[in-house]
Amino acid sequence: MAEKRVVTVFGATGRQGGSLSRAILEKDESDFTVRAVTRHPESEPAVALARLGAEVVRADMDDEKSLGPVFEGAYGAFLMTDFWEGMNAEHEKAQAEALARAAGHAGVQHAVWSTLEDTRHCVPVDDSRMPTLQGSYKVPHFDAKAEADQYFPEAGVPTTYLRTTFYWENLFDMFAPRRADDGVMVLDFPMGDSRLSGIGFVDIGRTALAVLERGTDLIGATVSIAGEHLKVADMAAALTERVGVPYAYRPLTPDAYRAQGHPGADEAGNMFQFYRDCEHSFTAARDLAAVRALHPGLQSFATWLSAHHTRIPRS
């Protein structure tokens, strides 16, 4: 039997990296094994991955010296950064550059970099439709990742660029429905009648695994993914039917959404406005048939909801 190839997975205890780790570990006769990177190997998610057979290792993207050892001997890597942890675009770019240097130095043969579009191609910095944030960005957690794309070829890392989208799991917490005064559970995203591209995070991991399994075919390619493109009103109707309590779509304006004032409200308001105003190009880049050809088990919103409806807030 051929020796399994090591994939070093960042974000292994979170949603994206965790879904790839489980996709590899739970697959019968996988060609890969997981080296799960975390700052906290003693945490419950890390221990759970170790029980499944992952090699759990400690490293910190803010400590570049810690990164080299986790790539040594690895065939592949799943690389991601988490803007929402510090909500600072320059910090996120510095982390991505450190990952690229370390992966390149170690000779990783195939990296999958979790990234997003540069929103300024659709909404330029001087466009008054939405405020400019952190000096030079419209949606910093998109734009910083897009700027970081260049670090990987510069460091000599053979890379596939996996462009993700809105997680439906955000409905559990960050963008959960809220209870209105009339008792209806409300989704208030400033999307108008535009469709929102969404995906279940398990499908991010499974698609990333499919990319790695394709070998060199997708090196240098951009793979943009979604599970379905849906109007938020249709999402609310599906929630009502499946969960059994009334949900409604009552969108705020982008300005009203940004004005809520909680941490990240301006970022999220700009994000939804980008999804709304740039709907055609964003959804067109995510050809569902092409994604399903790569990952045949891709879930629709209804399929995802049938498995997760008990976690949606209902009161």
Protein backbone atom coordinates (compact mmCIF):
# COMPACT_ATOMS: atom_id res chain seq x y z
CA MET A 1 0.00 0.00 0.00
CA ALA A 2 1.33 3.44 -0.93
CA GLU A 3 2.13 5.74 1.95
CA LYS A 4 -0.51 8.40 2.50
CA ARG A 5 0.42 11.96 1.62
CA VAL A 6 0.30 14.58 4.36
CA VAL A 7 -1.97 17.62 3.98
CA THR A 8 -1.23 20.41 6.43
CA VAL A 9 -4.54 22.03 7.33
CA PHE A 10 -4.85 25.51 8.84
CA GLY A 11 -8.13 26.43 10.48
CA ALA A 12 -8.42 22.74 11.33
CA THR A 13 -10.51 23.34 14.45
CA GLY A 14 -12.80 25.80 12.66
CA ARG A 15 -15.43 25.51 9.96
CA GLN A 16 -13.45 25.43 6.72
CA GLY A 17 -10.31 23.61 7.78
CA GLY A 18 -12.32 21.37 10.05
CA SER A 19 -14.57 20.33 7.20
CA LEU A 20 -11.58 19.40 5.02
CA SER A 21 -9.96 17.52 7.91
CA ARG A 22 -13.10 15.46 8.42
CA ALA A 23 -13.59 14.91 4.70
CA ILE A 24 -10.13 13.33 4.56
CA LEU A 25 -10.31 11.42 7.84
CA GLU A 26 -13.77 10.02 7.26
CA LYS A 27 -13.19 8.93 3.67
CA ASP A 28 -12.60 5.24 3.10
CA GLU A 29 -9.17 4.60 1.62
CA SER A 30 -8.20 8.25 1.32
CA ASP A 31 -4.85 8.98 -0.28
CA PHE A 32 -4.21 11.67 2.31
CA THR A 33 -3.68 12.08 6.00
CA VAL A 34 -4.22 15.25 8.04
CA ARG A 35 -1.72 17.38 9.90
CA ALA A 36 -4.08 19.67 11.80
CA VAL A 37 -2.60 23.04 12.77
CA THR A 38 -3.91 24.89 15.81
CA ARG A 39 -2.71 27.31 18.44
CA HIS A 40 -4.47 25.16 21.03
CA PRO A 41 -3.76 21.42 20.62
CA GLU A 42 -5.38 20.77 23.99
CA SER A 43 -8.77 22.17 22.88
CA GLU A 44 -11.76 19.87 22.51
CA PRO A 45 -11.97 20.26 18.69
CA ALA A 46 -8.26 19.45 18.37
CA VAL A 47 -8.56 16.42 20.62
CA ALA A 48 -11.55 15.24 18.58
CA LEU A 49 -9.50 15.44 15.38
CA ALA A 50 -6.69 13.49 17.02
CA ARG A 51 -9.20 10.76 17.91
CA LEU A 52 -10.17 10.56 14.24
CA GLY A 53 -6.53 10.05 13.30
CA ALA A 54 -5.17 13.52 12.64
CA GLU A 55 -1.67 14.54 13.64
CA VAL A 56 -2.33 17.68 15.71
CA VAL A 57 0.46 20.26 15.77
CA ARG A 58 0.88 23.69 17.31
CA ALA A 59 1.67 26.78 15.25
CA ASP A 60 0.64 30.44 15.11
CA MET A 61 0.43 32.52 11.93
CA ASP A 62 1.66 35.51 13.94
CA ASP A 63 4.86 33.57 14.78
CA GLU A 64 6.43 32.79 11.42
CA LYS A 65 9.17 30.65 12.97
CA SER A 66 6.47 28.23 14.16
CA LEU A 67 5.15 27.69 10.63
CA GLY A 68 8.09 25.98 8.94
CA PRO A 69 7.96 22.71 10.91
CA VAL A 70 4.25 22.11 10.21
CA PHE A 71 4.91 22.05 6.46
CA GLU A 72 7.97 19.80 6.55
CA GLY A 73 7.32 16.62 4.57
CA ALA A 74 3.81 17.69 3.61
CA TYR A 75 2.57 17.09 0.08
CA GLY A 76 -0.28 19.57 0.28
CA ALA A 77 -1.79 22.30 2.38
CA PHE A 78 -5.08 24.03 3.03
CA LEU A 79 -4.37 27.66 3.85
CA MET A 80 -6.78 30.21 5.25
CA THR A 81 -6.86 33.30 7.43
CA ASP A 82 -9.67 34.55 9.67
CA PHE A 83 -10.39 38.24 9.20
CA TRP A 84 -13.11 38.23 11.85
CA GLU A 85 -10.71 37.34 14.64
CA GLY A 86 -9.05 40.76 14.62
CA MET A 87 -10.96 42.52 11.81
CA ASN A 88 -7.78 44.02 10.41
CA ALA A 89 -7.01 43.63 6.70
CA GLU A 90 -3.29 44.40 6.94
CA HIS A 91 -2.89 41.83 9.70
CA GLU A 92 -4.69 39.24 7.60
CA LYS A 93 -2.39 39.94 4.65
CA ALA A 94 0.68 39.62 6.86
CA GLN A 95 -0.53 36.20 8.03
CA ALA A 96 -1.12 35.08 4.43
CA GLU A 97 2.34 36.23 3.39
CA ALA A 98 3.90 34.30 6.26
CA LEU A 99 1.97 31.17 5.22
CA ALA A 100 3.15 31.56 1.61
CA ARG A 101 6.79 31.97 2.58
CA ALA A 102 6.75 28.97 4.89
CA ALA A 103 4.92 26.72 2.41
CA GLY A 104 7.23 27.77 -0.41
CA HIS A 105 10.36 27.19 1.66
CA ALA A 106 9.15 23.70 2.60
CA GLY A 107 8.39 22.77 -1.00
CA VAL A 108 4.67 22.10 -0.65
CA GLN A 109 3.52 20.60 -3.95
CA HIS A 110 -0.13 21.72 -3.91
CA ALA A 111 -1.75 24.37 -1.72
CA VAL A 112 -5.43 25.25 -1.67
CA TRP A 113 -5.78 28.90 -0.61
CA SER A 114 -9.22 29.93 0.67
CA THR A 115 -9.82 33.34 -0.84
CA LEU A 116 -12.41 35.79 -2.16
CA GLU A 117 -12.89 38.38 -4.91
CA ASP A 118 -11.52 41.90 -4.86
CA THR A 119 -14.76 43.86 -4.48
CA ARG A 120 -13.10 47.03 -5.81
CA HIS A 121 -13.31 45.63 -9.33
CA CYS A 122 -17.06 46.21 -9.05
CA VAL A 123 -17.18 49.02 -6.48
CA PRO A 124 -14.05 51.19 -6.80
CA VAL A 125 -12.52 52.84 -3.76
CA ASP A 126 -13.81 56.26 -4.85
CA ASP A 127 -17.35 54.94 -5.44
CA SER A 128 -19.72 56.71 -3.06
CA ARG A 129 -22.24 53.85 -2.96
CA MET A 130 -20.53 52.50 0.14
CA PRO A 131 -17.90 53.82 2.55
CA THR A 132 -14.23 52.97 2.16
CA LEU A 133 -12.97 51.05 5.19
CA GLN A 134 -9.53 50.72 6.77
CA GLY A 135 -8.08 53.26 4.36
CA SER A 136 -8.30 51.51 1.00
CA TYR A 137 -10.86 48.69 1.09
CA LYS A 138 -14.55 48.34 0.35
CA VAL A 139 -15.02 44.91 1.93
CA PRO A 140 -11.74 44.33 3.79
CA HIS A 141 -12.13 40.60 4.39
CA PHE A 142 -12.66 40.11 0.64
CA ASP A 143 -10.13 42.60 -0.66
CA ALA A 144 -7.28 41.61 1.67
CA LYS A 145 -7.55 37.95 0.64
CA ALA A 146 -7.61 38.94 -3.02
CA GLU A 147 -4.49 41.05 -2.57
CA ALA A 148 -2.83 38.14 -0.76
CA ASP A 149 -3.37 35.83 -3.75
CA GLN A 150 -0.12 37.10 -5.27
CA TYR A 151 2.00 35.94 -2.33
CA PHE A 152 1.70 32.27 -3.23
CA PRO A 153 3.13 32.30 -6.78
CA GLU A 154 5.74 34.81 -5.60
CA ALA A 155 6.84 32.25 -3.00
CA GLY A 156 6.83 29.43 -5.56
CA VAL A 157 3.81 27.63 -4.08
CA PRO A 158 1.73 25.65 -6.61
CA THR A 159 -1.73 26.91 -5.64
CA THR A 160 -5.41 26.50 -6.39
CA TYR A 161 -7.47 29.54 -5.42
CA LEU A 162 -10.72 28.40 -3.77
CA ARG A 163 -13.17 31.31 -3.68
CA THR A 164 -15.83 30.67 -1.07
CA THR A 165 -19.02 32.54 -0.17
CA PHE A 166 -21.60 33.13 2.59
CA TYR A 167 -21.87 30.15 4.97
CA TRP A 168 -25.42 29.07 5.68
CA GLU A 169 -24.11 28.22 9.17
CA ASN A 170 -23.96 31.99 9.73
CA LEU A 171 -27.71 31.67 10.34
CA PHE A 172 -26.86 29.95 13.64
CA ASP A 173 -24.97 32.90 15.08
CA MET A 174 -23.34 35.85 13.27
CA PHE A 175 -26.30 36.52 10.97
CA ALA A 176 -29.02 34.68 12.86
CA PRO A 177 -32.69 35.66 12.43
CA ARG A 178 -33.88 38.08 15.11
CA ARG A 179 -37.29 38.21 16.75
CA ALA A 180 -39.36 41.26 15.76
CA ASP A 181 -41.96 42.91 17.97
CA ASP A 182 -44.75 41.03 16.17
CA GLY A 183 -43.11 37.68 16.98
CA VAL A 184 -41.87 36.97 13.47
CA MET A 185 -38.26 35.85 13.05
CA VAL A 186 -36.66 38.33 10.69
CA LEU A 187 -33.78 38.24 8.23
CA ASP A 188 -32.73 41.84 7.61
CA PHE A 189 -29.75 41.54 5.23
CA PRO A 190 -29.60 44.56 2.87
CA MET A 191 -29.86 42.43 -0.28
CA GLY A 192 -33.03 43.77 -1.92
CA ASP A 193 -34.27 41.25 -4.49
CA SER A 194 -30.76 40.10 -5.40
CA ARG A 195 -29.74 36.50 -4.86
CA LEU A 196 -27.32 35.55 -2.10
CA SER A 197 -24.81 32.82 -2.96
CA GLY A 198 -24.51 30.44 -0.02
CA ILE A 199 -22.93 27.14 0.90
CA GLY A 200 -22.76 24.67 3.77
CA PHE A 201 -19.25 24.64 5.15
CA VAL A 202 -18.98 20.85 4.86
CA ASP A 203 -19.07 21.36 1.09
CA ILE A 204 -16.11 23.71 1.25
CA GLY A 205 -14.01 20.92 2.75
CA ARG A 206 -15.30 18.30 0.35
CA THR A 207 -14.63 20.52 -2.64
CA ALA A 208 -11.13 21.30 -1.35
CA LEU A 209 -10.50 17.56 -1.08
CA ALA A 210 -11.72 17.06 -4.65
CA VAL A 211 -9.28 19.76 -5.77
CA LEU A 212 -6.39 17.98 -4.04
CA GLU A 213 -7.45 14.65 -5.51
CA ARG A 214 -7.27 16.12 -9.02
CA GLY A 215 -3.51 16.41 -8.60
CA THR A 216 -1.90 19.04 -10.80
CA ASP A 217 -4.99 19.67 -12.96
CA LEU A 218 -6.21 22.68 -10.98
CA ILE A 219 -2.90 24.25 -9.96
CA GLY A 220 -3.07 27.91 -10.92
CA ALA A 221 -6.84 27.75 -11.33
CA THR A 222 -9.50 29.71 -9.48
CA VAL A 223 -12.40 27.54 -8.31
CA SER A 224 -15.39 29.61 -7.18
CA ILE A 225 -17.99 27.71 -5.21
CA ALA A 226 -21.56 27.95 -3.91
CA GLY A 227 -24.34 25.49 -3.14
CA GLU A 228 -27.20 27.66 -4.38
CA HIS A 229 -28.05 31.25 -5.31
CA LEU A 230 -31.23 32.28 -3.49
CA LYS A 231 -33.19 35.43 -2.81
CA VAL A 232 -33.29 36.02 0.94
CA ALA A 233 -37.10 36.07 0.77
CA ASP A 234 -36.96 32.52 -0.58
CA MET A 235 -34.61 31.54 2.24
CA ALA A 236 -37.11 32.93 4.75
CA ALA A 237 -39.94 30.96 3.11
CA ALA A 238 -37.88 27.76 3.28
CA LEU A 239 -37.14 28.40 6.95
CA THR A 240 -40.83 28.92 7.69
CA GLU A 241 -41.77 25.67 6.01
CA ARG A 242 -38.99 23.56 7.55
CA VAL A 243 -38.69 25.03 11.04
CA GLY A 244 -42.42 25.52 11.55
CA VAL A 245 -42.45 29.11 12.86
CA PRO A 246 -42.87 32.29 10.78
CA TYR A 247 -39.77 33.86 9.24
CA ALA A 248 -39.79 36.97 7.07
CA TYR A 249 -37.39 38.98 4.98
CA ARG A 250 -37.47 42.63 6.04
CA PRO A 251 -34.31 44.13 4.59
CA LEU A 252 -32.62 47.14 6.07
CA THR A 253 -30.96 49.60 3.74
CA PRO A 254 -27.17 49.22 3.60
CA ASP A 255 -26.77 52.49 5.51
CA ALA A 256 -29.17 51.33 8.24
CA TYR A 257 -27.38 48.00 8.50
CA ARG A 258 -23.99 49.71 8.88
CA ALA A 259 -25.46 52.11 11.44
CA GLN A 260 -26.30 49.30 13.87
CA GLY A 261 -22.93 49.96 15.40
CA HIS A 262 -21.93 46.51 16.59
CA PRO A 263 -18.36 45.37 15.79
CA GLY A 264 -18.15 44.56 12.11
CA ALA A 265 -21.49 46.17 11.17
CA ASP A 266 -19.86 48.43 8.58
CA GLU A 267 -17.90 45.49 7.14
CA ALA A 268 -20.98 43.27 6.96
CA GLY A 269 -23.13 46.07 5.54
CA ASN A 270 -20.62 46.62 2.77
CA MET A 271 -20.41 42.87 2.16
CA PHE A 272 -24.15 42.48 1.65
CA GLN A 273 -24.27 45.59 -0.51
CA PHE A 274 -21.50 44.10 -2.66
CA TYR A 275 -23.45 40.85 -2.96
CA ARG A 276 -26.51 42.90 -3.96
CA ASP A 277 -24.96 45.39 -6.35
CA CYS A 278 -22.57 42.90 -7.96
CA GLU A 279 -24.96 39.93 -7.97
CA HIS A 280 -24.55 39.04 -11.63
CA SER A 281 -20.76 38.77 -11.69
CA PHE A 282 -20.57 37.06 -8.29
CA THR A 283 -23.16 34.38 -9.05
CA ALA A 284 -21.95 33.90 -12.62
CA ALA A 285 -18.50 33.03 -11.30
CA ARG A 286 -20.08 30.26 -9.23
CA ASP A 287 -21.39 27.83 -11.83
CA LEU A 288 -23.32 25.32 -9.72
CA ALA A 289 -23.11 22.61 -12.38
CA ALA A 290 -19.33 22.98 -12.49
CA VAL A 291 -19.06 22.82 -8.69
CA ARG A 292 -21.29 19.75 -8.63
CA ALA A 293 -19.15 18.09 -11.32
CA LEU A 294 -16.17 18.50 -8.99
CA HIS A 295 -18.14 17.58 -5.85
CA PRO A 296 -21.28 15.56 -6.77
CA GLY A 297 -22.68 15.64 -3.21
CA LEU A 298 -23.03 19.44 -3.19
CA GLN A 299 -26.00 20.47 -1.02
CA SER A 300 -28.80 22.82 -1.95
CA PHE A 301 -30.20 25.11 0.75
CA ALA A 302 -33.15 22.77 1.26
CA THR A 303 -30.88 19.76 1.65
CA TRP A 304 -28.66 21.62 4.09
CA LEU A 305 -31.67 22.91 6.01
CA SER A 306 -33.15 19.45 6.43
CA ALA A 307 -30.01 18.43 8.32
CA HIS A 308 -29.51 21.61 10.35
CA HIS A 309 -32.93 23.20 10.94
CA THR A 310 -32.89 22.47 14.69
CA ARG A 311 -29.97 24.90 15.09
CA ILE A 312 -31.76 27.88 13.53
CA PRO A 313 -33.02 30.34 16.18
CA ARG A 314 -36.80 30.20 16.36
CA SER A 315 -37.62 32.52 19.24
